[in-house]
Each structure stands twice: as structure tokens, then as C-alpha cells.
Amino acid sequence: MWPERNSLTGHGKEWEAVDHNGPEDEFYDMEWYQDSLYLATSDALYQLVDEDEMKRVDMKLGKGITCGHLHANDGVLWSFGTKHVCFTEDGKRWRNVTP
């Protein structure tokens, strides 16, 4: 179990601290998708659950998938890592489309 930490949640000019028991990793990006906040580290993707709990997203793409930057548009959430490009259209099934 991780020690309790604070992260931020919000939009525009309205932000607030959220206590969580998440990782110590540095978050590089966050994106709202299907009413959930997703947060990306360089090698993992997390979802904020119940406003105070973070769970690691199992992309089911094998080990070593890189993340880092996120973008959501037209019902699709994209994850752009240093070595991988992945997306989901439902928040559950991920596809690796790395060139």
C-alpha cells in the first residue's frame, strides 16, 4: 500500500487537492474521459475512482507499455508514450497502434 498523498483535480480555474493512496510516480498528463479522470505516468495509466482512490488501469497489452500523454476526443482516449501509441473507445479494451 502506498502512503497517503495529494493530487489535484479540477478544470479551468477550479482545482482542489485530492487525498489518495496512489503512487509516488510523477504524473505527466491527465484527461477526462467518460466522466472519469485518467492520469498518466511514463509507464502507467491510472483512473481516479470515488474522488479519493486511484487504481492502475490494466491495458492488457503486455508489460513495458509506455504512457505519458493523454488526449480524449470523439469518444476515444489516446495514450502517447515514448515508445507506444494506444487507444480505447470504451475505457476497457485498449489497442496498441504503435507504428
Protein backbone atom coordinates (compact mmCIF):
# COMPACT_ATOMS: atom_id res chain seq x y z
CA MET A 1 0.00 0.00 0.00
CA TRP A 2 1.26 3.47 -0.83
CA PRO A 3 1.45 6.24 1.76
CA GLU A 4 -1.28 8.89 1.56
CA ARG A 5 -0.55 11.64 -0.98
CA ASN A 6 -2.27 14.63 -2.56
CA SER A 7 -3.09 15.18 -6.22
CA LEU A 8 -5.16 17.83 -7.93
CA THR A 9 -8.48 17.57 -9.69
CA GLY A 10 -10.44 20.23 -11.46
CA HIS A 11 -10.87 22.18 -14.64
CA GLY A 12 -10.09 25.70 -15.76
CA LYS A 13 -9.75 27.92 -12.69
CA GLU A 14 -11.37 25.49 -10.24
CA TRP A 15 -8.89 22.98 -8.75
CA GLU A 16 -8.77 21.16 -5.45
CA ALA A 17 -6.45 18.73 -3.67
CA VAL A 18 -7.48 15.08 -3.58
CA ASP A 19 -6.01 12.75 -0.96
CA HIS A 20 -5.14 9.38 -2.41
CA ASN A 21 -3.10 6.31 -1.73
CA GLY A 22 -1.53 6.42 -5.19
CA PRO A 23 1.98 6.01 -6.46
CA GLU A 24 4.91 8.33 -5.87
CA ASP A 25 5.48 8.43 -9.64
CA GLU A 26 5.45 11.76 -11.41
CA PHE A 27 2.28 12.37 -13.38
CA TYR A 28 2.83 13.87 -16.81
CA ASP A 29 -0.73 14.34 -18.01
CA MET A 30 -4.37 13.94 -17.08
CA GLU A 31 -7.53 13.81 -19.14
CA TRP A 32 -11.26 13.47 -18.52
CA TYR A 33 -12.84 10.56 -20.40
CA GLN A 34 -16.35 9.15 -19.88
CA ASP A 35 -16.79 11.12 -16.65
CA SER A 36 -13.54 9.74 -15.16
CA LEU A 37 -10.19 11.40 -14.66
CA TYR A 38 -7.24 9.47 -16.09
CA LEU A 39 -3.66 10.23 -15.06
CA ALA A 40 -0.52 9.13 -16.90
CA THR A 41 2.97 8.45 -15.66
CA SER A 42 5.75 7.47 -18.06
CA ASP A 43 4.93 3.78 -17.70
CA ALA A 44 1.42 3.50 -16.26
CA LEU A 45 -2.10 4.80 -16.54
CA TYR A 46 -4.34 5.43 -13.51
CA GLN A 47 -8.01 6.23 -13.07
CA LEU A 48 -9.39 8.32 -10.21
CA VAL A 49 -12.19 6.34 -8.57
CA ASP A 50 -14.64 7.60 -5.92
CA GLU A 51 -12.87 11.00 -5.78
CA ASP A 52 -10.20 9.72 -3.38
CA GLU A 53 -8.88 6.43 -4.72
CA MET A 54 -6.65 5.75 -7.70
CA LYS A 55 -6.49 2.44 -9.49
CA ARG A 56 -3.99 1.36 -12.08
CA VAL A 57 -5.60 0.72 -15.46
CA ASP A 58 -4.83 -2.73 -16.86
CA MET A 59 -4.50 -2.03 -20.57
CA LYS A 60 -3.96 -5.77 -21.17
CA LEU A 61 -1.25 -5.01 -23.73
CA GLY A 62 1.63 -6.78 -22.03
CA LYS A 63 4.48 -5.47 -19.94
CA GLY A 64 6.50 -2.40 -20.74
CA ILE A 65 3.79 -0.22 -22.35
CA THR A 66 4.80 3.41 -22.11
CA CYS A 67 2.31 6.20 -21.44
CA GLY A 68 2.92 9.84 -20.55
CA HIS A 69 0.49 11.97 -22.56
CA LEU A 70 -3.28 11.65 -22.93
CA HIS A 71 -5.88 13.07 -25.29
CA ALA A 72 -9.65 12.47 -25.41
CA ASN A 73 -11.90 13.44 -28.31
CA ASP A 74 -14.85 11.99 -30.24
CA GLY A 75 -15.34 9.15 -27.75
CA VAL A 76 -11.72 7.97 -27.89
CA LEU A 77 -8.99 8.20 -25.22
CA TRP A 78 -5.45 8.17 -26.61
CA SER A 79 -2.27 7.40 -24.68
CA PHE A 80 1.02 8.55 -26.22
CA GLY A 81 4.17 7.14 -24.64
CA THR A 82 7.82 7.39 -25.61
CA LYS A 83 7.55 4.02 -27.39
CA HIS A 84 3.81 3.28 -27.70
CA VAL A 85 0.57 4.77 -29.04
CA CYS A 86 -2.60 3.18 -27.65
CA PHE A 87 -6.29 4.00 -27.57
CA THR A 88 -9.64 2.88 -26.18
CA GLU A 89 -13.16 3.53 -27.36
CA ASP A 90 -14.89 2.17 -24.26
CA GLY A 91 -12.42 2.60 -21.37
CA LYS A 92 -11.95 -1.17 -21.11
CA ARG A 93 -10.43 -2.59 -24.29
CA TRP A 94 -7.16 -0.95 -25.33
CA ARG A 95 -5.44 -1.27 -28.70
CA ASN A 96 -1.77 -0.69 -29.40
CA VAL A 97 -1.34 1.08 -32.75
CA THR A 98 2.36 1.85 -32.46
CA PRO A 99 3.80 2.36 -35.94
